[in-house]
Amino acid sequence: MSNSTFGQLPAVIIRAADGAQATVTLYGGHLVSWRTSDGQERLFCSRASSLDGSRAIRGGVPVIFPQFGARGTGMRHGFARVATWQLESTGDADGAAWAQFVLHHADLPEAIAAAWDYAFTLRLRVAVTGSALELQLSVHNTGEQAFPFSAALHSYFAIDQLSEARIGGLQRVRYSDDAPQDALQAEELLQFADKLDRIYYQLPGALSLQAGAATLRLEQQGFTDAVVWNPGAQDAAALPDLADDEYQRFICIEPALIQPDTLAAGAEWTGRQRLECV
């Protein structure tokens, strides 16, 4: 483990003995780089993204808490991705290098804290080894009142060409998009022509992302749902922190808890994701 910077942001580099590594900025507890032991970068970060703490980072793995998108009265996608986390601990286990980051309610800026009435502790554990990455997000209600929350790991995966990407594991899974009613996916493999924004509910098992010669296997626990998103050409052009051509270079597949869960006083919730290049 070593201290570094990413743009202007303080960051921590987690290195495994086999060469795998991950970089996490303290701003947002944000995983901005994951390199497998072969040196290949597996995450996408926009070259137009602000890296000075003025706004959320576009790319990597933003932590979404306590609300998803605009599904609530608070900040879009919540405040965890724009708050400053702390490095809590680091270590090695079974060849994997890991680091754990923490965000307490007391660490929130005054304006954000004033809009959230509940005490909590968030922890993010990031572990790397070989061709695998493991992420664990825990939410601990440290107050005396129950609170509702949603959570997600808004993962941007690097690909060579959008039209060549395929996602498996979603056949016959219920999803919602901008259509009036939910639907079941018919196709065995999901493909992309342009913009796509879907929430898949109650995943039955692991997913796969096929992109060129690489296949990424995605497993999750605790997170019941998954969001699949790419803005397409038109929406990408409207995003100031995304270059117009960059939508071709990533797919978001996000483990998520979309419908708000209620966390009792003193209780803890944990969501996990394991990614492996096979």
C-alpha atoms as a PDB file:
ATOM      1  CA  MET A   1       0.000   0.000   0.000  1.00  0.00           C
ATOM      2  CA  SER A   2       1.225   3.498  -0.804  1.00  0.00           C
ATOM      3  CA  ASN A   3      -0.112   7.040  -0.756  1.00  0.00           C
ATOM      4  CA  SER A   4      -0.484   8.760  -4.093  1.00  0.00           C
ATOM      5  CA  THR A   5      -2.623  11.279  -5.957  1.00  0.00           C
ATOM      6  CA  PHE A   6      -5.163  10.914  -8.742  1.00  0.00           C
ATOM      7  CA  GLY A   7      -5.424  14.238 -10.505  1.00  0.00           C
ATOM      8  CA  GLN A   8      -5.433  16.613  -7.544  1.00  0.00           C
ATOM      9  CA  LEU A   9      -7.030  14.090  -5.184  1.00  0.00           C
ATOM     10  CA  PRO A  10      -5.228  12.197  -2.400  1.00  0.00           C
ATOM     11  CA  ALA A  11      -5.350   8.490  -3.172  1.00  0.00           C
ATOM     12  CA  VAL A  12      -4.244   5.086  -1.905  1.00  0.00           C
ATOM     13  CA  ILE A  13      -2.692   2.439  -4.169  1.00  0.00           C
ATOM     14  CA  ILE A  14      -3.297  -1.166  -3.091  1.00  0.00           C
ATOM     15  CA  ARG A  15      -0.712  -3.577  -4.555  1.00  0.00           C
ATOM     16  CA  ALA A  16      -0.769  -7.361  -4.421  1.00  0.00           C
ATOM     17  CA  ALA A  17       2.442  -9.389  -4.601  1.00  0.00           C
ATOM     18  CA  ASP A  18       1.506 -10.680  -8.067  1.00  0.00           C
ATOM     19  CA  GLY A  19       1.240  -7.163  -9.522  1.00  0.00           C
ATOM     20  CA  ALA A  20      -2.514  -6.626  -9.332  1.00  0.00           C
ATOM     21  CA  GLN A  21      -3.393  -3.206  -8.001  1.00  0.00           C
ATOM     22  CA  ALA A  22      -6.241  -0.818  -7.271  1.00  0.00           C
ATOM     23  CA  THR A  23      -6.311   2.937  -6.692  1.00  0.00           C
ATOM     24  CA  VAL A  24      -8.885   4.560  -4.402  1.00  0.00           C
ATOM     25  CA  THR A  25      -9.318   8.304  -3.862  1.00  0.00           C
ATOM     26  CA  LEU A  26     -10.275   9.469  -0.384  1.00  0.00           C
ATOM     27  CA  TYR A  27     -12.719  11.826  -2.070  1.00  0.00           C
ATOM     28  CA  GLY A  28     -15.775   9.625  -2.438  1.00  0.00           C
ATOM     29  CA  GLY A  29     -14.031   6.437  -1.290  1.00  0.00           C
ATOM     30  CA  HIS A  30     -13.831   6.100  -5.062  1.00  0.00           C
ATOM     31  CA  LEU A  31     -12.133   3.187  -6.806  1.00  0.00           C
ATOM     32  CA  VAL A  32     -10.674   4.849  -9.915  1.00  0.00           C
ATOM     33  CA  SER A  33      -8.351   2.128 -11.227  1.00  0.00           C
ATOM     34  CA  TRP A  34      -8.198  -1.670 -11.169  1.00  0.00           C
ATOM     35  CA  ARG A  35      -5.323  -3.371 -12.939  1.00  0.00           C
ATOM     36  CA  THR A  36      -5.143  -7.144 -13.052  1.00  0.00           C
ATOM     37  CA  SER A  37      -1.759  -8.804 -12.597  1.00  0.00           C
ATOM     38  CA  ASP A  38      -1.151  -8.658 -16.376  1.00  0.00           C
ATOM     39  CA  GLY A  39      -1.166  -4.844 -16.125  1.00  0.00           C
ATOM     40  CA  GLN A  40      -4.467  -4.414 -17.968  1.00  0.00           C
ATOM     41  CA  GLU A  41      -6.737  -1.554 -16.802  1.00  0.00           C
ATOM     42  CA  ARG A  42     -10.266  -2.883 -16.271  1.00  0.00           C
ATOM     43  CA  LEU A  43     -12.122   0.315 -15.313  1.00  0.00           C
ATOM     44  CA  PHE A  44     -13.032   3.378 -17.347  1.00  0.00           C
ATOM     45  CA  CYS A  45     -12.512   6.969 -16.191  1.00  0.00           C
ATOM     46  CA  SER A  46     -13.450   9.889 -18.410  1.00  0.00           C
ATOM     47  CA  ARG A  47     -10.664  12.164 -19.558  1.00  0.00           C
ATOM     48  CA  ALA A  48     -13.120  15.060 -19.110  1.00  0.00           C
ATOM     49  CA  SER A  49     -13.874  14.280 -15.463  1.00  0.00           C
ATOM     50  CA  SER A  50     -13.070  16.803 -12.746  1.00  0.00           C
ATOM     51  CA  LEU A  51     -10.372  15.444 -10.441  1.00  0.00           C
ATOM     52  CA  ASP A  52     -10.212  18.306  -7.974  1.00  0.00           C
ATOM     53  CA  GLY A  53     -13.070  17.492  -5.603  1.00  0.00           C
ATOM     54  CA  SER A  54     -15.454  20.029  -7.172  1.00  0.00           C
ATOM     55  CA  ARG A  55     -17.864  17.341  -8.388  1.00  0.00           C
ATOM     56  CA  ALA A  56     -18.239  13.571  -8.448  1.00  0.00           C
ATOM     57  CA  ILE A  57     -15.727  11.609 -10.547  1.00  0.00           C
ATOM     58  CA  ARG A  58     -17.060  10.276 -13.852  1.00  0.00           C
ATOM     59  CA  GLY A  59     -15.943   6.656 -14.032  1.00  0.00           C
ATOM     60  CA  GLY A  60     -14.382   4.028 -11.788  1.00  0.00           C
ATOM     61  CA  VAL A  61     -16.735   2.828  -9.055  1.00  0.00           C
ATOM     62  CA  PRO A  62     -18.707   5.616  -7.326  1.00  0.00           C
ATOM     63  CA  VAL A  63     -20.336   4.603  -4.013  1.00  0.00           C
ATOM     64  CA  ILE A  64     -24.070   5.343  -4.155  1.00  0.00           C
ATOM     65  CA  PHE A  65     -25.691   6.017  -0.736  1.00  0.00           C
ATOM     66  CA  PRO A  66     -28.278   6.772   0.692  1.00  0.00           C
ATOM     67  CA  GLN A  67     -30.439   7.146  -2.429  1.00  0.00           C
ATOM     68  CA  PHE A  68     -30.249   5.925  -5.996  1.00  0.00           C
ATOM     69  CA  GLY A  69     -30.529   8.536  -8.726  1.00  0.00           C
ATOM     70  CA  ALA A  70     -33.410  10.924  -8.094  1.00  0.00           C
ATOM     71  CA  ARG A  71     -35.424   8.323  -6.145  1.00  0.00           C
ATOM     72  CA  GLY A  72     -35.633  10.443  -3.012  1.00  0.00           C
ATOM     73  CA  THR A  73     -35.548  14.015  -1.788  1.00  0.00           C
ATOM     74  CA  GLY A  74     -31.792  14.235  -1.246  1.00  0.00           C
ATOM     75  CA  MET A  75     -28.744  14.712  -3.459  1.00  0.00           C
ATOM     76  CA  ARG A  76     -28.832  12.718  -6.686  1.00  0.00           C
ATOM     77  CA  HIS A  77     -27.106   9.362  -6.061  1.00  0.00           C
ATOM     78  CA  GLY A  78     -26.527  10.426  -2.451  1.00  0.00           C
ATOM     79  CA  PHE A  79     -23.603  12.064  -0.714  1.00  0.00           C
ATOM     80  CA  ALA A  80     -21.121   9.212  -0.202  1.00  0.00           C
ATOM     81  CA  ARG A  81     -19.440   9.802  -3.589  1.00  0.00           C
ATOM     82  CA  VAL A  82     -18.716  13.489  -2.797  1.00  0.00           C
ATOM     83  CA  ALA A  83     -17.700  13.140   0.869  1.00  0.00           C
ATOM     84  CA  THR A  84     -14.136  12.645   2.118  1.00  0.00           C
ATOM     85  CA  TRP A  85     -13.446   9.170   3.472  1.00  0.00           C
ATOM     86  CA  GLN A  86     -10.575   7.997   5.674  1.00  0.00           C
ATOM     87  CA  LEU A  87      -8.225   5.055   5.267  1.00  0.00           C
ATOM     88  CA  GLU A  88      -9.013   2.806   8.238  1.00  0.00           C
ATOM     89  CA  SER A  89      -6.823  -0.277   7.779  1.00  0.00           C
ATOM     90  CA  THR A  90      -4.773  -2.299   5.269  1.00  0.00           C
ATOM     91  CA  GLY A  91      -3.414  -5.816   5.043  1.00  0.00           C
ATOM     92  CA  ASP A  92      -2.736  -8.982   3.065  1.00  0.00           C
ATOM     93  CA  ALA A  93      -4.690 -12.232   3.192  1.00  0.00           C
ATOM     94  CA  ASP A  94      -4.281 -15.346   1.029  1.00  0.00           C
ATOM     95  CA  GLY A  95      -2.232 -13.427  -1.527  1.00  0.00           C
ATOM     96  CA  ALA A  96      -4.739 -10.588  -1.798  1.00  0.00           C
ATOM     97  CA  ALA A  97      -3.876  -7.032  -0.766  1.00  0.00           C
ATOM     98  CA  TRP A  98      -6.716  -5.042   0.760  1.00  0.00           C
ATOM     99  CA  ALA A  99      -7.578  -1.668   2.229  1.00  0.00           C
ATOM    100  CA  GLN A 100     -10.641  -0.545   4.155  1.00  0.00           C
ATOM    101  CA  PHE A 101     -12.047   2.970   4.018  1.00  0.00           C
ATOM    102  CA  VAL A 102     -14.563   4.538   6.401  1.00  0.00           C
ATOM    103  CA  LEU A 103     -17.027   7.421   6.357  1.00  0.00           C
ATOM    104  CA  HIS A 104     -18.767   8.548   9.552  1.00  0.00           C
ATOM    105  CA  HIS A 105     -21.783  10.810   9.770  1.00  0.00           C
ATOM    106  CA  ALA A 106     -19.645  13.274  11.738  1.00  0.00           C
ATOM    107  CA  ASP A 107     -17.276  13.564   8.744  1.00  0.00           C
ATOM    108  CA  LEU A 108     -19.922  14.998   6.422  1.00  0.00           C
ATOM    109  CA  PRO A 109     -19.765  18.662   5.418  1.00  0.00           C
ATOM    110  CA  GLU A 110     -22.213  20.739   7.447  1.00  0.00           C
ATOM    111  CA  ALA A 111     -24.579  21.399   4.538  1.00  0.00           C
ATOM    112  CA  ILE A 112     -24.884  17.683   3.739  1.00  0.00           C
ATOM    113  CA  ALA A 113     -25.150  16.619   7.381  1.00  0.00           C
ATOM    114  CA  ALA A 114     -27.994  19.075   7.919  1.00  0.00           C
ATOM    115  CA  ALA A 115     -30.044  17.306   5.243  1.00  0.00           C
ATOM    116  CA  TRP A 116     -29.525  13.806   6.711  1.00  0.00           C
ATOM    117  CA  ASP A 117     -30.876  13.253  10.207  1.00  0.00           C
ATOM    118  CA  TYR A 118     -29.402   9.814  10.948  1.00  0.00           C
ATOM    119  CA  ALA A 119     -26.107   8.580  12.397  1.00  0.00           C
ATOM    120  CA  PHE A 120     -24.228   5.994  10.358  1.00  0.00           C
ATOM    121  CA  THR A 121     -20.850   4.514   9.494  1.00  0.00           C
ATOM    122  CA  LEU A 122     -20.003   3.369   5.964  1.00  0.00           C
ATOM    123  CA  ARG A 123     -17.104   1.031   5.271  1.00  0.00           C
ATOM    124  CA  LEU A 124     -15.690   0.058   1.900  1.00  0.00           C
ATOM    125  CA  ARG A 125     -13.224  -2.814   1.644  1.00  0.00           C
ATOM    126  CA  VAL A 126     -11.253  -3.225  -1.594  1.00  0.00           C
ATOM    127  CA  ALA A 127      -9.174  -6.377  -2.189  1.00  0.00           C
ATOM    128  CA  VAL A 128      -7.109  -7.323  -5.266  1.00  0.00           C
ATOM    129  CA  THR A 129      -5.195 -10.378  -6.386  1.00  0.00           C
ATOM    130  CA  GLY A 130      -4.347 -11.844  -9.789  1.00  0.00           C
ATOM    131  CA  SER A 131      -7.358 -11.388 -12.047  1.00  0.00           C
ATOM    132  CA  ALA A 132      -9.888 -10.714  -9.265  1.00  0.00           C
ATOM    133  CA  LEU A 133     -11.283  -7.728  -7.382  1.00  0.00           C
ATOM    134  CA  GLU A 134     -13.556  -7.914  -4.331  1.00  0.00           C
ATOM    135  CA  LEU A 135     -15.588  -4.976  -3.036  1.00  0.00           C
ATOM    136  CA  GLN A 136     -17.546  -4.937   0.196  1.00  0.00           C
ATOM    137  CA  LEU A 137     -19.766  -2.033   1.271  1.00  0.00           C
ATOM    138  CA  SER A 138     -21.264  -2.038   4.766  1.00  0.00           C
ATOM    139  CA  VAL A 139     -23.793   0.366   6.265  1.00  0.00           C
ATOM    140  CA  HIS A 140     -24.018   0.529  10.062  1.00  0.00           C
ATOM    141  CA  ASN A 141     -26.841   2.439  11.741  1.00  0.00           C
ATOM    142  CA  THR A 142     -25.052   3.914  14.764  1.00  0.00           C
ATOM    143  CA  GLY A 143     -28.024   6.029  15.868  1.00  0.00           C
ATOM    144  CA  GLU A 144     -31.243   5.432  17.758  1.00  0.00           C
ATOM    145  CA  GLN A 145     -33.633   5.738  14.805  1.00  0.00           C
ATOM    146  CA  ALA A 146     -34.218   3.391  11.889  1.00  0.00           C
ATOM    147  CA  PHE A 147     -33.553   4.888   8.463  1.00  0.00           C
ATOM    148  CA  PRO A 148     -34.328   3.960   4.839  1.00  0.00           C
ATOM    149  CA  PHE A 149     -31.500   3.692   2.324  1.00  0.00           C
ATOM    150  CA  SER A 150     -30.554   2.478  -1.122  1.00  0.00           C
ATOM    151  CA  ALA A 151     -27.023   1.613  -2.206  1.00  0.00           C
ATOM    152  CA  ALA A 152     -25.051   0.730  -5.323  1.00  0.00           C
ATOM    153  CA  LEU A 153     -21.532   0.415  -6.688  1.00  0.00           C
ATOM    154  CA  HIS A 154     -21.802   2.384  -9.940  1.00  0.00           C
ATOM    155  CA  SER A 155     -19.112   0.417 -11.797  1.00  0.00           C
ATOM    156  CA  TYR A 156     -17.781   1.664 -15.160  1.00  0.00           C
ATOM    157  CA  PHE A 157     -16.051  -1.168 -17.019  1.00  0.00           C
ATOM    158  CA  ALA A 158     -13.585  -0.423 -19.803  1.00  0.00           C
ATOM    159  CA  ILE A 159     -14.362  -1.945 -23.211  1.00  0.00           C
ATOM    160  CA  ASP A 160     -12.919  -1.458 -26.696  1.00  0.00           C
ATOM    161  CA  GLN A 161     -16.173  -0.995 -28.594  1.00  0.00           C
ATOM    162  CA  LEU A 162     -19.753  -0.777 -27.311  1.00  0.00           C
ATOM    163  CA  SER A 163     -21.284  -2.645 -30.244  1.00  0.00           C
ATOM    164  CA  GLU A 164     -19.112  -5.693 -29.553  1.00  0.00           C
ATOM    165  CA  ALA A 165     -20.004  -6.038 -25.861  1.00  0.00           C
ATOM    166  CA  ARG A 166     -22.361  -8.742 -24.574  1.00  0.00           C
ATOM    167  CA  ILE A 167     -23.835  -9.225 -21.086  1.00  0.00           C
ATOM    168  CA  GLY A 168     -24.961 -12.705 -20.031  1.00  0.00           C
ATOM    169  CA  GLY A 169     -27.039 -13.891 -17.078  1.00  0.00           C
ATOM    170  CA  LEU A 170     -30.028 -11.578 -17.538  1.00  0.00           C
ATOM    171  CA  GLN A 171     -32.337 -13.784 -19.611  1.00  0.00           C
ATOM    172  CA  ARG A 172     -35.860 -13.962 -18.109  1.00  0.00           C
ATOM    173  CA  VAL A 173     -34.954 -11.365 -15.446  1.00  0.00           C
ATOM    174  CA  ARG A 174     -37.534  -8.604 -14.873  1.00  0.00           C
ATOM    175  CA  TYR A 175     -36.382  -5.103 -15.700  1.00  0.00           C
ATOM    176  CA  SER A 176     -37.678  -1.551 -15.866  1.00  0.00           C
ATOM    177  CA  ASP A 177     -36.630   1.240 -18.203  1.00  0.00           C
ATOM    178  CA  ASP A 178     -38.472   4.203 -19.707  1.00  0.00           C
ATOM    179  CA  ALA A 179     -41.336   1.973 -20.882  1.00  0.00           C
ATOM    180  CA  PRO A 180     -44.645   2.224 -18.975  1.00  0.00           C
ATOM    181  CA  GLN A 181     -44.464  -1.339 -17.667  1.00  0.00           C
ATOM    182  CA  ASP A 182     -41.742  -3.759 -16.563  1.00  0.00           C
ATOM    183  CA  ALA A 183     -40.633  -6.513 -18.934  1.00  0.00           C
ATOM    184  CA  LEU A 184     -38.689  -9.778 -18.951  1.00  0.00           C
ATOM    185  CA  GLN A 185     -35.510  -9.935 -20.975  1.00  0.00           C
ATOM    186  CA  ALA A 186     -35.894 -12.412 -23.803  1.00  0.00           C
ATOM    187  CA  GLU A 187     -32.344 -12.447 -25.165  1.00  0.00           C
ATOM    188  CA  GLU A 188     -29.684 -14.756 -23.776  1.00  0.00           C
ATOM    189  CA  LEU A 189     -27.067 -12.057 -24.323  1.00  0.00           C
ATOM    190  CA  LEU A 190     -27.802  -8.343 -23.966  1.00  0.00           C
ATOM    191  CA  GLN A 191     -26.281  -6.239 -26.754  1.00  0.00           C
ATOM    192  CA  PHE A 192     -25.989  -2.485 -27.241  1.00  0.00           C
ATOM    193  CA  ALA A 193     -27.002  -0.396 -30.235  1.00  0.00           C
ATOM    194  CA  ASP A 194     -27.143   2.984 -28.495  1.00  0.00           C
ATOM    195  CA  LYS A 195     -28.494   4.311 -25.196  1.00  0.00           C
ATOM    196  CA  LEU A 196     -29.597   1.735 -22.655  1.00  0.00           C
ATOM    197  CA  ASP A 197     -30.724   2.332 -19.064  1.00  0.00           C
ATOM    198  CA  ARG A 198     -32.320  -0.612 -17.251  1.00  0.00           C
ATOM    199  CA  ILE A 199     -32.800  -1.770 -13.689  1.00  0.00           C
ATOM    200  CA  TYR A 200     -32.865  -5.567 -13.364  1.00  0.00           C
ATOM    201  CA  TYR A 201     -34.552  -6.884 -10.229  1.00  0.00           C
ATOM    202  CA  GLN A 202     -33.744  -9.927  -8.104  1.00  0.00           C
ATOM    203  CA  LEU A 203     -30.814 -11.374 -10.028  1.00  0.00           C
ATOM    204  CA  PRO A 204     -30.797 -15.189  -9.959  1.00  0.00           C
ATOM    205  CA  GLY A 205     -27.024 -15.597 -10.310  1.00  0.00           C
ATOM    206  CA  ALA A 206     -23.749 -14.285 -11.680  1.00  0.00           C
ATOM    207  CA  LEU A 207     -23.444 -12.062 -14.748  1.00  0.00           C
ATOM    208  CA  SER A 208     -20.812 -12.017 -17.462  1.00  0.00           C
ATOM    209  CA  LEU A 209     -19.464  -9.185 -19.579  1.00  0.00           C
ATOM    210  CA  GLN A 210     -17.903 -10.284 -22.856  1.00  0.00           C
ATOM    211  CA  ALA A 211     -15.829  -7.538 -24.447  1.00  0.00           C
ATOM    212  CA  GLY A 212     -13.320  -8.497 -27.103  1.00  0.00           C
ATOM    213  CA  ALA A 213     -11.062 -11.321 -25.939  1.00  0.00           C
ATOM    214  CA  ALA A 214     -11.849 -10.734 -22.258  1.00  0.00           C
ATOM    215  CA  THR A 215     -14.760 -12.055 -20.239  1.00  0.00           C
ATOM    216  CA  LEU A 216     -15.544 -10.577 -16.848  1.00  0.00           C
ATOM    217  CA  ARG A 217     -17.552 -12.620 -14.321  1.00  0.00           C
ATOM    218  CA  LEU A 218     -19.599 -10.589 -11.829  1.00  0.00           C
ATOM    219  CA  GLU A 219     -20.992 -12.088  -8.625  1.00  0.00           C
ATOM    220  CA  GLN A 220     -22.881 -10.177  -5.932  1.00  0.00           C
ATOM    221  CA  GLN A 221     -24.473 -10.748  -2.537  1.00  0.00           C
ATOM    222  CA  GLY A 222     -26.606  -8.382  -0.490  1.00  0.00           C
ATOM    223  CA  PHE A 223     -27.233  -6.273  -3.570  1.00  0.00           C
ATOM    224  CA  THR A 224     -30.462  -7.734  -4.975  1.00  0.00           C
ATOM    225  CA  ASP A 225     -30.562  -5.811  -8.261  1.00  0.00           C
ATOM    226  CA  ALA A 226     -28.332  -4.602 -11.091  1.00  0.00           C
ATOM    227  CA  VAL A 227     -28.339  -1.466 -13.201  1.00  0.00           C
ATOM    228  CA  VAL A 228     -27.061  -1.615 -16.781  1.00  0.00           C
ATOM    229  CA  TRP A 229     -26.362   1.764 -18.350  1.00  0.00           C
ATOM    230  CA  ASN A 230     -24.733   3.456 -21.277  1.00  0.00           C
ATOM    231  CA  PRO A 231     -25.760   6.997 -22.271  1.00  0.00           C
ATOM    232  CA  GLY A 232     -25.487   6.548 -26.019  1.00  0.00           C
ATOM    233  CA  ALA A 233     -24.307   9.286 -28.359  1.00  0.00           C
ATOM    234  CA  GLN A 234     -27.005  11.893 -27.693  1.00  0.00           C
ATOM    235  CA  ASP A 235     -26.945  11.773 -23.884  1.00  0.00           C
ATOM    236  CA  ALA A 236     -23.144  11.546 -23.832  1.00  0.00           C
ATOM    237  CA  ALA A 237     -22.943  14.808 -25.770  1.00  0.00           C
ATOM    238  CA  ALA A 238     -25.014  16.485 -23.032  1.00  0.00           C
ATOM    239  CA  LEU A 239     -22.697  15.368 -20.206  1.00  0.00           C
ATOM    240  CA  PRO A 240     -19.989  17.979 -19.573  1.00  0.00           C
ATOM    241  CA  ASP A 241     -17.677  15.503 -17.829  1.00  0.00           C
ATOM    242  CA  LEU A 242     -17.766  12.903 -20.608  1.00  0.00           C
ATOM    243  CA  ALA A 243     -16.062  13.370 -23.977  1.00  0.00           C
ATOM    244  CA  ASP A 244     -18.465  12.848 -26.871  1.00  0.00           C
ATOM    245  CA  ASP A 245     -16.761   9.684 -28.145  1.00  0.00           C
ATOM    246  CA  GLU A 246     -16.214   8.042 -24.751  1.00  0.00           C
ATOM    247  CA  TYR A 247     -19.619   6.357 -24.495  1.00  0.00           C
ATOM    248  CA  GLN A 248     -18.184   3.724 -26.866  1.00  0.00           C
ATOM    249  CA  ARG A 249     -15.531   2.797 -24.292  1.00  0.00           C
ATOM    250  CA  PHE A 250     -17.519   1.715 -21.221  1.00  0.00           C
ATOM    251  CA  ILE A 251     -20.513  -0.125 -19.864  1.00  0.00           C
ATOM    252  CA  CYS A 252     -21.911   0.383 -16.376  1.00  0.00           C
ATOM    253  CA  ILE A 253     -23.054  -2.784 -14.603  1.00  0.00           C
ATOM    254  CA  GLU A 254     -23.911  -1.814 -11.054  1.00  0.00           C
ATOM    255  CA  PRO A 255     -24.758  -4.123  -8.146  1.00  0.00           C
ATOM    256  CA  ALA A 256     -27.581  -2.268  -6.433  1.00  0.00           C
ATOM    257  CA  LEU A 257     -30.220  -2.244  -3.740  1.00  0.00           C
ATOM    258  CA  ILE A 258     -32.794  -0.099  -5.534  1.00  0.00           C
ATOM    259  CA  GLN A 259     -35.928  -0.304  -3.413  1.00  0.00           C
ATOM    260  CA  PRO A 260     -35.046   1.394  -0.120  1.00  0.00           C
ATOM    261  CA  ASP A 261     -34.381  -0.993   2.748  1.00  0.00           C
ATOM    262  CA  THR A 262     -34.985   0.029   6.357  1.00  0.00           C
ATOM    263  CA  LEU A 263     -32.018  -0.354   8.685  1.00  0.00           C
ATOM    264  CA  ALA A 264     -32.926  -0.635  12.363  1.00  0.00           C
ATOM    265  CA  ALA A 265     -31.019   1.211  15.065  1.00  0.00           C
ATOM    266  CA  GLY A 266     -27.745  -0.636  15.690  1.00  0.00           C
ATOM    267  CA  ALA A 267     -28.170  -2.887  12.657  1.00  0.00           C
ATOM    268  CA  GLU A 268     -25.733  -3.392   9.777  1.00  0.00           C
ATOM    269  CA  TRP A 269     -26.186  -4.232   6.101  1.00  0.00           C
ATOM    270  CA  THR A 270     -23.468  -5.530   3.796  1.00  0.00           C
ATOM    271  CA  GLY A 271     -23.293  -5.766   0.021  1.00  0.00           C
ATOM    272  CA  ARG A 272     -20.488  -7.584  -1.803  1.00  0.00           C
ATOM    273  CA  GLN A 273     -19.255  -7.880  -5.351  1.00  0.00           C
ATOM    274  CA  ARG A 274     -16.559 -10.140  -6.768  1.00  0.00           C
ATOM    275  CA  LEU A 275     -15.163  -9.493 -10.235  1.00  0.00           C
ATOM    276  CA  GLU A 276     -12.891 -11.897 -12.073  1.00  0.00           C
ATOM    277  CA  CYS A 277     -11.424 -11.859 -15.566  1.00  0.00           C
ATOM    278  CA  VAL A 278     -11.654 -15.355 -17.038  1.00  0.00           C
END
